[in-house]
């Protein structure tokens, strides 16, 4: 091969690689980030309590309180303390009883977004409890919990020790 032909061949190869690189970068830019919205797999979870699926709650940066974007949801529930958010009704402070535990399927990050119906005195409400089933368990129907109100529809739910 002559030097001119080799140079033309290398130039053509370089242009081809440049175009492929630009195309790949454009593809990456247009691909949505997987961490923006939780995805819910179809597999079922075996665990304590009765976990069913009524609906699936997307847990995104837009649905979380801005102050909690860096909260370690993977560790939520350690030492029996769960940060929860009001989902339906008005959360009441005090000693309560768990009426149901549903929506336990984990997302792609291993987080379950359980819906727990709870009764305190004569008031019934539902909280959204995000936690990792491998780190902390779901609530059991009939279990006693203590609820402390926090700001902006959030509360701390503590599982009562068995006597």
N, C-alpha and C. Protein backbone atom coordinates (compact mmCIF):
# COMPACT_ATOMS: atom_id res chain seq x y z
N UNK A 1 0.83 -1.16 0.00
CA UNK A 1 0.00 0.00 0.00
C UNK A 1 0.89 1.24 0.00
N UNK A 2 0.49 2.25 -0.74
CA UNK A 2 1.28 3.48 -0.77
C UNK A 2 1.01 4.31 0.47
N UNK A 3 1.93 5.23 0.72
CA UNK A 3 1.77 6.10 1.90
C UNK A 3 0.51 6.95 1.80
N UNK A 4 0.16 7.41 0.59
CA UNK A 4 -1.04 8.22 0.40
C UNK A 4 -2.29 7.41 0.71
N UNK A 5 -2.32 6.18 0.23
CA UNK A 5 -3.48 5.31 0.45
C UNK A 5 -3.60 4.96 1.95
N UNK A 6 -2.50 4.72 2.62
CA UNK A 6 -2.50 4.43 4.06
C UNK A 6 -3.02 5.63 4.84
N UNK A 7 -2.58 6.81 4.47
CA UNK A 7 -3.05 8.03 5.14
C UNK A 7 -4.54 8.22 4.94
N UNK A 8 -5.04 7.99 3.70
CA UNK A 8 -6.48 8.11 3.44
C UNK A 8 -7.27 7.08 4.24
N UNK A 9 -6.75 5.88 4.30
CA UNK A 9 -7.42 4.82 5.06
C UNK A 9 -7.47 5.16 6.55
N UNK A 10 -6.37 5.63 7.13
CA UNK A 10 -6.34 6.02 8.55
C UNK A 10 -7.24 7.21 8.81
N UNK A 11 -7.29 8.18 7.90
CA UNK A 11 -8.17 9.34 8.06
C UNK A 11 -9.64 8.89 8.05
N UNK A 12 -9.98 8.02 7.14
CA UNK A 12 -11.35 7.50 7.06
C UNK A 12 -11.73 6.74 8.33
N UNK A 13 -10.80 5.93 8.82
CA UNK A 13 -11.05 5.19 10.05
C UNK A 13 -11.22 6.14 11.23
N UNK A 14 -10.41 7.18 11.29
CA UNK A 14 -10.52 8.18 12.37
C UNK A 14 -11.86 8.90 12.34
N UNK A 15 -12.32 9.29 11.14
CA UNK A 15 -13.62 9.95 11.00
C UNK A 15 -14.74 9.01 11.43
N UNK A 16 -14.64 7.77 11.02
CA UNK A 16 -15.65 6.78 11.40
C UNK A 16 -15.71 6.61 12.93
N UNK A 17 -14.56 6.50 13.58
CA UNK A 17 -14.52 6.38 15.05
C UNK A 17 -15.08 7.63 15.72
N UNK A 18 -14.77 8.80 15.18
CA UNK A 18 -15.28 10.05 15.74
C UNK A 18 -16.80 10.10 15.66
N UNK A 19 -17.36 9.73 14.52
CA UNK A 19 -18.82 9.73 14.36
C UNK A 19 -19.48 8.71 15.29
N UNK A 20 -18.88 7.56 15.43
CA UNK A 20 -19.42 6.54 16.34
C UNK A 20 -19.39 7.04 17.78
N UNK A 21 -18.33 7.71 18.17
CA UNK A 21 -18.22 8.24 19.54
C UNK A 21 -19.27 9.31 19.80
N UNK A 22 -19.46 10.22 18.85
CA UNK A 22 -20.47 11.28 19.00
C UNK A 22 -21.86 10.65 19.10
N UNK A 23 -22.15 9.67 18.26
CA UNK A 23 -23.44 8.99 18.32
C UNK A 23 -23.67 8.31 19.66
N UNK A 24 -22.65 7.65 20.19
CA UNK A 24 -22.76 6.98 21.48
C UNK A 24 -23.01 7.99 22.60
N UNK A 25 -22.31 9.11 22.59
CA UNK A 25 -22.51 10.14 23.61
C UNK A 25 -23.91 10.74 23.55
N UNK A 26 -24.43 10.95 22.35
CA UNK A 26 -25.80 11.45 22.20
C UNK A 26 -26.81 10.43 22.73
N UNK A 27 -26.56 9.15 22.48
CA UNK A 27 -27.43 8.10 22.99
C UNK A 27 -27.45 8.11 24.52
N UNK A 28 -26.28 8.22 25.15
CA UNK A 28 -26.21 8.25 26.61
C UNK A 28 -26.93 9.46 27.18
N UNK A 29 -26.82 10.59 26.51
CA UNK A 29 -27.47 11.81 27.00
C UNK A 29 -28.99 11.68 26.96
N UNK A 30 -29.53 11.00 25.97
CA UNK A 30 -30.98 10.86 25.80
C UNK A 30 -31.57 9.73 26.63
N UNK A 31 -30.75 8.80 27.11
CA UNK A 31 -31.26 7.68 27.89
C UNK A 31 -31.63 8.16 29.29
N UNK A 32 -32.88 7.94 29.76
CA UNK A 32 -33.26 8.38 31.09
C UNK A 32 -32.45 7.66 32.17
N UNK A 33 -32.16 8.37 33.23
CA UNK A 33 -31.42 7.78 34.34
C UNK A 33 -32.34 6.83 35.10
N UNK A 34 -31.83 5.65 35.43
CA UNK A 34 -32.63 4.65 36.13
C UNK A 34 -32.93 5.04 37.56
N UNK A 35 -32.18 5.97 38.14
CA UNK A 35 -32.40 6.33 39.54
C UNK A 35 -33.49 7.37 39.72
N UNK A 36 -34.02 7.94 38.61
CA UNK A 36 -35.03 8.98 38.75
C UNK A 36 -36.36 8.45 39.25
N UNK A 37 -36.73 7.25 38.87
CA UNK A 37 -38.01 6.67 39.27
C UNK A 37 -37.80 5.22 39.65
N UNK A 38 -38.43 4.81 40.74
CA UNK A 38 -38.31 3.42 41.19
C UNK A 38 -39.08 2.51 40.24
N UNK A 39 -38.52 1.36 39.96
CA UNK A 39 -39.18 0.35 39.14
C UNK A 39 -39.58 -0.80 40.05
N UNK A 40 -40.75 -1.39 39.82
CA UNK A 40 -41.25 -2.43 40.69
C UNK A 40 -41.26 -3.77 39.96
N UNK A 41 -40.40 -4.71 40.37
CA UNK A 41 -40.40 -6.03 39.74
C UNK A 41 -41.63 -6.83 40.13
N UNK A 42 -41.87 -7.90 39.41
CA UNK A 42 -43.08 -8.68 39.62
C UNK A 42 -42.93 -9.71 40.73
N UNK A 43 -41.70 -10.02 41.12
CA UNK A 43 -41.53 -11.08 42.12
C UNK A 43 -42.21 -10.73 43.44
N UNK A 44 -42.63 -11.74 44.17
CA UNK A 44 -43.27 -11.52 45.46
C UNK A 44 -42.24 -11.66 46.57
N UNK A 45 -42.55 -11.09 47.69
CA UNK A 45 -41.65 -11.09 48.83
C UNK A 45 -42.23 -11.97 49.93
N UNK A 46 -41.42 -12.86 50.43
CA UNK A 46 -41.81 -13.68 51.56
C UNK A 46 -41.28 -13.01 52.82
N UNK A 47 -42.10 -12.80 53.78
CA UNK A 47 -41.63 -12.15 54.99
C UNK A 47 -42.67 -12.24 56.08
N UNK A 48 -42.42 -11.56 57.17
CA UNK A 48 -43.39 -11.55 58.26
C UNK A 48 -44.55 -10.66 57.87
N UNK A 49 -45.68 -10.90 58.45
CA UNK A 49 -46.85 -10.09 58.17
C UNK A 49 -47.53 -10.54 56.89
N UNK A 50 -48.60 -9.87 56.55
CA UNK A 50 -49.34 -10.17 55.35
C UNK A 50 -49.11 -9.02 54.39
N UNK A 51 -48.30 -9.25 53.38
CA UNK A 51 -47.98 -8.21 52.41
C UNK A 51 -48.69 -8.49 51.11
N UNK A 52 -49.46 -7.54 50.66
CA UNK A 52 -50.12 -7.66 49.38
C UNK A 52 -49.86 -6.40 48.59
N UNK A 53 -50.34 -6.35 47.37
CA UNK A 53 -50.14 -5.17 46.54
C UNK A 53 -51.50 -4.61 46.15
N UNK A 54 -51.82 -3.42 46.64
CA UNK A 54 -53.01 -2.71 46.22
C UNK A 54 -52.67 -1.81 45.05
N UNK A 55 -51.57 -1.09 45.19
CA UNK A 55 -51.11 -0.18 44.16
C UNK A 55 -49.61 -0.02 44.31
N UNK A 56 -48.99 0.54 43.31
CA UNK A 56 -47.55 0.74 43.38
C UNK A 56 -47.27 2.23 43.43
N UNK A 57 -46.47 2.64 44.40
CA UNK A 57 -46.19 4.04 44.65
C UNK A 57 -44.84 4.39 44.05
N UNK A 58 -44.81 5.30 43.05
CA UNK A 58 -43.49 5.72 42.58
C UNK A 58 -42.82 6.58 43.64
N UNK A 59 -41.58 6.29 43.94
CA UNK A 59 -40.83 7.05 44.94
C UNK A 59 -39.73 7.77 44.20
N UNK A 60 -39.93 9.06 43.95
CA UNK A 60 -38.98 9.83 43.16
C UNK A 60 -38.44 10.99 43.98
N UNK A 61 -37.48 11.67 43.42
CA UNK A 61 -36.94 12.86 44.07
C UNK A 61 -38.03 13.91 44.24
N UNK A 62 -39.02 13.90 43.35
CA UNK A 62 -40.10 14.88 43.43
C UNK A 62 -41.09 14.56 44.56
N UNK A 63 -41.22 13.29 44.96
CA UNK A 63 -42.18 12.94 46.00
C UNK A 63 -41.57 12.94 47.39
N UNK A 64 -40.26 13.06 47.49
CA UNK A 64 -39.60 13.08 48.80
C UNK A 64 -39.47 14.52 49.28
N UNK A 65 -39.52 14.70 50.58
CA UNK A 65 -39.30 16.02 51.17
C UNK A 65 -37.87 16.44 50.84
N UNK A 66 -37.67 17.70 50.40
CA UNK A 66 -36.31 18.14 50.01
C UNK A 66 -35.25 17.89 51.08
N UNK A 67 -35.61 18.02 52.35
CA UNK A 67 -34.62 17.81 53.42
C UNK A 67 -34.24 16.34 53.56
N UNK A 68 -35.02 15.44 52.93
CA UNK A 68 -34.78 14.01 53.09
C UNK A 68 -34.17 13.35 51.85
N UNK A 69 -33.75 14.15 50.88
CA UNK A 69 -33.18 13.58 49.67
C UNK A 69 -31.94 12.75 49.96
N UNK A 70 -31.19 13.11 50.99
CA UNK A 70 -29.98 12.37 51.33
C UNK A 70 -30.20 11.40 52.49
N UNK A 71 -31.45 11.21 52.92
CA UNK A 71 -31.76 10.29 54.02
C UNK A 71 -31.41 8.87 53.60
N UNK A 72 -30.87 8.08 54.52
CA UNK A 72 -30.48 6.71 54.23
C UNK A 72 -31.70 5.79 54.36
N UNK A 73 -32.50 5.71 53.29
CA UNK A 73 -33.71 4.89 53.32
C UNK A 73 -33.37 3.42 53.45
N UNK A 74 -32.18 3.01 53.02
CA UNK A 74 -31.78 1.61 53.15
C UNK A 74 -31.71 1.19 54.62
N UNK A 75 -31.43 2.11 55.52
CA UNK A 75 -31.31 1.80 56.95
C UNK A 75 -32.56 2.17 57.73
N UNK A 76 -33.58 2.71 57.06
CA UNK A 76 -34.81 3.10 57.76
C UNK A 76 -35.42 1.87 58.43
N UNK A 77 -35.68 1.97 59.71
CA UNK A 77 -36.28 0.86 60.46
C UNK A 77 -35.32 0.15 61.38
N UNK A 78 -34.06 0.47 61.30
CA UNK A 78 -33.11 -0.15 62.23
C UNK A 78 -33.46 0.31 63.64
N UNK A 79 -33.27 -0.52 64.60
CA UNK A 79 -33.62 -0.25 66.00
C UNK A 79 -35.12 0.01 66.17
N UNK A 80 -35.95 -0.57 65.28
CA UNK A 80 -37.42 -0.51 65.37
C UNK A 80 -37.99 0.89 65.12
N UNK A 81 -37.20 1.85 64.62
CA UNK A 81 -37.69 3.21 64.36
C UNK A 81 -37.77 3.44 62.85
N UNK A 82 -38.97 3.81 62.37
CA UNK A 82 -39.19 4.03 60.94
C UNK A 82 -39.66 5.46 60.71
N UNK A 83 -39.02 6.14 59.77
CA UNK A 83 -39.51 7.43 59.33
C UNK A 83 -40.60 7.13 58.30
N UNK A 84 -41.80 7.67 58.53
CA UNK A 84 -42.94 7.41 57.65
C UNK A 84 -43.54 8.73 57.19
N UNK A 85 -44.33 8.66 56.14
CA UNK A 85 -45.01 9.85 55.63
C UNK A 85 -46.50 9.59 55.54
N UNK A 86 -47.30 10.60 55.85
CA UNK A 86 -48.75 10.48 55.73
C UNK A 86 -49.09 10.16 54.28
N UNK A 87 -50.00 9.21 54.09
CA UNK A 87 -50.42 8.84 52.75
C UNK A 87 -51.92 9.09 52.58
N UNK A 88 -52.69 8.69 53.58
CA UNK A 88 -54.15 8.87 53.51
C UNK A 88 -54.65 9.17 54.91
N UNK A 89 -55.41 10.23 55.06
CA UNK A 89 -55.91 10.62 56.37
C UNK A 89 -54.91 11.47 57.11
N UNK A 90 -55.21 11.76 58.36
CA UNK A 90 -54.35 12.59 59.19
C UNK A 90 -53.66 11.71 60.23
N UNK A 91 -52.34 11.72 60.20
CA UNK A 91 -51.56 10.91 61.13
C UNK A 91 -51.76 11.45 62.55
N UNK A 92 -52.02 10.54 63.48
CA UNK A 92 -52.23 10.89 64.88
C UNK A 92 -51.05 10.40 65.72
N UNK A 93 -50.67 11.19 66.70
CA UNK A 93 -49.60 10.79 67.61
C UNK A 93 -50.16 9.87 68.68
N UNK A 94 -49.31 8.99 69.20
CA UNK A 94 -49.70 8.12 70.30
C UNK A 94 -49.52 6.65 69.99
N UNK A 95 -50.11 5.83 70.85
CA UNK A 95 -50.04 4.38 70.71
C UNK A 95 -51.08 3.92 69.70
N UNK A 96 -50.62 3.12 68.72
CA UNK A 96 -51.53 2.66 67.68
C UNK A 96 -51.42 1.18 67.42
N UNK A 97 -52.35 0.69 66.61
CA UNK A 97 -52.38 -0.72 66.23
C UNK A 97 -52.33 -0.80 64.70
N UNK A 98 -51.47 -1.66 64.18
CA UNK A 98 -51.34 -1.85 62.74
C UNK A 98 -52.52 -2.69 62.26
N UNK A 99 -53.26 -2.14 61.28
CA UNK A 99 -54.41 -2.85 60.72
C UNK A 99 -54.04 -3.61 59.45
N UNK A 100 -53.07 -3.08 58.69
CA UNK A 100 -52.66 -3.76 57.46
C UNK A 100 -51.26 -3.34 57.04
N UNK A 101 -50.65 -4.18 56.21
CA UNK A 101 -49.33 -3.93 55.64
C UNK A 101 -49.39 -4.40 54.20
N UNK A 102 -49.36 -3.46 53.25
CA UNK A 102 -49.51 -3.81 51.83
C UNK A 102 -48.46 -3.07 51.00
N UNK A 103 -48.37 -3.47 49.74
CA UNK A 103 -47.47 -2.83 48.77
C UNK A 103 -46.00 -3.10 49.11
N UNK A 104 -45.66 -4.33 49.44
CA UNK A 104 -44.32 -4.67 49.93
C UNK A 104 -43.32 -5.03 48.85
N UNK A 105 -43.70 -5.01 47.59
CA UNK A 105 -42.74 -5.35 46.53
C UNK A 105 -41.63 -4.32 46.51
N UNK A 106 -40.38 -4.76 46.47
CA UNK A 106 -39.27 -3.80 46.45
C UNK A 106 -39.05 -3.22 45.06
N UNK A 107 -38.45 -2.04 45.03
CA UNK A 107 -38.07 -1.44 43.76
C UNK A 107 -36.69 -1.96 43.37
N UNK A 108 -36.10 -1.41 42.33
CA UNK A 108 -34.81 -1.91 41.84
C UNK A 108 -33.68 -1.66 42.81
N UNK A 109 -33.87 -0.76 43.78
CA UNK A 109 -32.85 -0.49 44.79
C UNK A 109 -33.07 -1.33 46.05
N UNK A 110 -34.07 -2.22 46.01
CA UNK A 110 -34.34 -3.08 47.15
C UNK A 110 -35.22 -2.44 48.21
N UNK A 111 -35.78 -1.28 47.91
CA UNK A 111 -36.63 -0.59 48.89
C UNK A 111 -38.10 -0.94 48.67
N UNK A 112 -38.78 -1.28 49.75
CA UNK A 112 -40.22 -1.49 49.73
C UNK A 112 -40.88 -0.18 50.15
N UNK A 113 -42.02 0.09 49.57
CA UNK A 113 -42.77 1.30 49.90
C UNK A 113 -44.13 0.86 50.43
N UNK A 114 -44.09 0.32 51.64
CA UNK A 114 -45.27 -0.29 52.25
C UNK A 114 -46.33 0.75 52.61
N UNK A 115 -47.57 0.36 52.46
CA UNK A 115 -48.69 1.17 52.93
C UNK A 115 -49.23 0.49 54.18
N UNK A 116 -49.19 1.21 55.29
CA UNK A 116 -49.63 0.65 56.57
C UNK A 116 -50.81 1.44 57.09
N UNK A 117 -51.94 0.74 57.24
CA UNK A 117 -53.11 1.35 57.85
C UNK A 117 -52.98 1.17 59.35
N UNK A 118 -53.15 2.25 60.10
CA UNK A 118 -52.93 2.25 61.54
C UNK A 118 -54.11 2.94 62.22
N UNK A 119 -54.47 2.43 63.41
CA UNK A 119 -55.53 3.07 64.19
C UNK A 119 -54.93 3.56 65.50
N UNK A 120 -55.12 4.85 65.79
CA UNK A 120 -54.76 5.46 67.07
C UNK A 120 -56.06 6.01 67.65
N UNK A 121 -56.42 5.54 68.84
CA UNK A 121 -57.73 5.86 69.44
C UNK A 121 -58.81 5.45 68.46
N UNK A 122 -59.62 6.39 68.01
CA UNK A 122 -60.70 6.06 67.07
C UNK A 122 -60.39 6.52 65.65
N UNK A 123 -59.19 7.05 65.44
CA UNK A 123 -58.78 7.56 64.13
C UNK A 123 -57.99 6.51 63.35
N UNK A 124 -58.30 6.36 62.07
CA UNK A 124 -57.58 5.44 61.19
C UNK A 124 -56.95 6.25 60.07
N UNK A 125 -55.69 5.94 59.74
CA UNK A 125 -54.96 6.63 58.68
C UNK A 125 -53.96 5.65 58.07
N UNK A 126 -53.39 6.04 56.94
CA UNK A 126 -52.41 5.21 56.25
C UNK A 126 -51.11 5.98 56.10
N UNK A 127 -49.99 5.29 56.37
CA UNK A 127 -48.66 5.90 56.19
C UNK A 127 -47.90 5.13 55.11
N UNK A 128 -46.98 5.83 54.48
CA UNK A 128 -46.07 5.24 53.51
C UNK A 128 -44.76 4.99 54.23
N UNK A 129 -44.34 3.73 54.30
CA UNK A 129 -43.13 3.35 55.03
C UNK A 129 -42.13 2.75 54.04
N UNK A 130 -41.06 3.49 53.76
CA UNK A 130 -40.02 3.05 52.84
C UNK A 130 -38.90 2.41 53.65
N UNK A 131 -38.55 1.17 53.29
CA UNK A 131 -37.49 0.46 54.01
C UNK A 131 -36.97 -0.69 53.17
N UNK A 132 -35.82 -1.22 53.55
CA UNK A 132 -35.23 -2.37 52.88
C UNK A 132 -35.59 -3.62 53.68
N UNK A 133 -36.31 -4.55 53.05
CA UNK A 133 -36.75 -5.77 53.74
C UNK A 133 -35.60 -6.61 54.28
N UNK A 134 -34.43 -6.49 53.66
CA UNK A 134 -33.28 -7.26 54.13
C UNK A 134 -32.71 -6.66 55.40
N UNK A 135 -32.96 -5.38 55.63
CA UNK A 135 -32.41 -4.69 56.81
C UNK A 135 -33.43 -4.56 57.94
N UNK A 136 -34.68 -4.33 57.59
CA UNK A 136 -35.72 -4.14 58.61
C UNK A 136 -37.05 -4.69 58.08
N UNK A 137 -37.75 -5.34 58.94
CA UNK A 137 -38.95 -6.07 58.54
C UNK A 137 -40.17 -5.16 58.33
N UNK A 138 -41.18 -5.75 57.73
CA UNK A 138 -42.47 -5.07 57.59
C UNK A 138 -43.20 -5.12 58.93
N UNK A 139 -44.27 -4.35 59.01
CA UNK A 139 -45.10 -4.38 60.22
C UNK A 139 -46.05 -5.56 60.16
N UNK A 140 -46.44 -6.06 61.31
CA UNK A 140 -47.39 -7.17 61.40
C UNK A 140 -48.76 -6.65 61.78
N UNK A 141 -49.78 -7.22 61.17
CA UNK A 141 -51.15 -6.87 61.51
C UNK A 141 -51.39 -7.17 62.99
N UNK A 142 -51.96 -6.19 63.72
CA UNK A 142 -52.23 -6.35 65.14
C UNK A 142 -51.10 -5.87 66.04
N UNK A 143 -49.96 -5.55 65.44
CA UNK A 143 -48.79 -5.10 66.19
C UNK A 143 -49.02 -3.68 66.75
N UNK A 144 -48.45 -3.44 67.93
CA UNK A 144 -48.56 -2.12 68.57
C UNK A 144 -47.37 -1.26 68.19
N UNK A 145 -47.65 0.00 67.82
CA UNK A 145 -46.60 0.95 67.45
C UNK A 145 -46.83 2.26 68.20
N UNK A 146 -45.79 3.05 68.32
CA UNK A 146 -45.90 4.39 68.91
C UNK A 146 -45.52 5.39 67.82
N UNK A 147 -46.34 6.43 67.68
CA UNK A 147 -46.13 7.41 66.62
C UNK A 147 -45.85 8.78 67.22
N UNK A 148 -44.76 9.39 66.75
CA UNK A 148 -44.38 10.74 67.14
C UNK A 148 -44.45 11.61 65.89
N UNK A 149 -45.21 12.69 65.94
CA UNK A 149 -45.36 13.56 64.78
C UNK A 149 -44.11 14.40 64.55
N UNK A 150 -43.75 14.56 63.29
CA UNK A 150 -42.65 15.42 62.88
C UNK A 150 -43.23 16.50 61.96
N UNK A 151 -42.40 17.20 61.25
CA UNK A 151 -42.88 18.25 60.35
C UNK A 151 -43.33 17.72 59.01
N UNK A 152 -44.16 18.50 58.32
CA UNK A 152 -44.52 18.27 56.91
C UNK A 152 -45.04 16.87 56.62
N UNK A 153 -46.01 16.40 57.37
CA UNK A 153 -46.64 15.10 57.14
C UNK A 153 -45.74 13.89 57.40
N UNK A 154 -44.62 14.09 58.06
CA UNK A 154 -43.74 12.98 58.42
C UNK A 154 -43.93 12.63 59.90
N UNK A 155 -43.64 11.39 60.25
CA UNK A 155 -43.74 10.94 61.63
C UNK A 155 -42.68 9.86 61.87
N UNK A 156 -42.36 9.65 63.13
CA UNK A 156 -41.47 8.55 63.52
C UNK A 156 -42.35 7.47 64.11
N UNK A 157 -42.28 6.28 63.55
CA UNK A 157 -43.06 5.14 64.00
C UNK A 157 -42.09 4.18 64.68
N UNK A 158 -42.39 3.80 65.91
CA UNK A 158 -41.55 2.89 66.66
C UNK A 158 -42.35 1.63 66.99
N UNK A 159 -41.78 0.48 66.65
CA UNK A 159 -42.44 -0.78 66.98
C UNK A 159 -42.28 -1.02 68.47
N UNK A 160 -43.40 -1.24 69.17
CA UNK A 160 -43.35 -1.48 70.61
C UNK A 160 -42.72 -2.84 70.91
N UNK A 161 -41.95 -2.88 71.99
CA UNK A 161 -41.36 -4.15 72.41
C UNK A 161 -42.46 -5.04 72.97
N UNK A 162 -42.32 -6.33 72.70
CA UNK A 162 -43.29 -7.28 73.26
C UNK A 162 -43.00 -7.47 74.73
N UNK A 163 -44.06 -7.55 75.50
CA UNK A 163 -43.91 -7.71 76.96
C UNK A 163 -43.77 -9.15 77.34
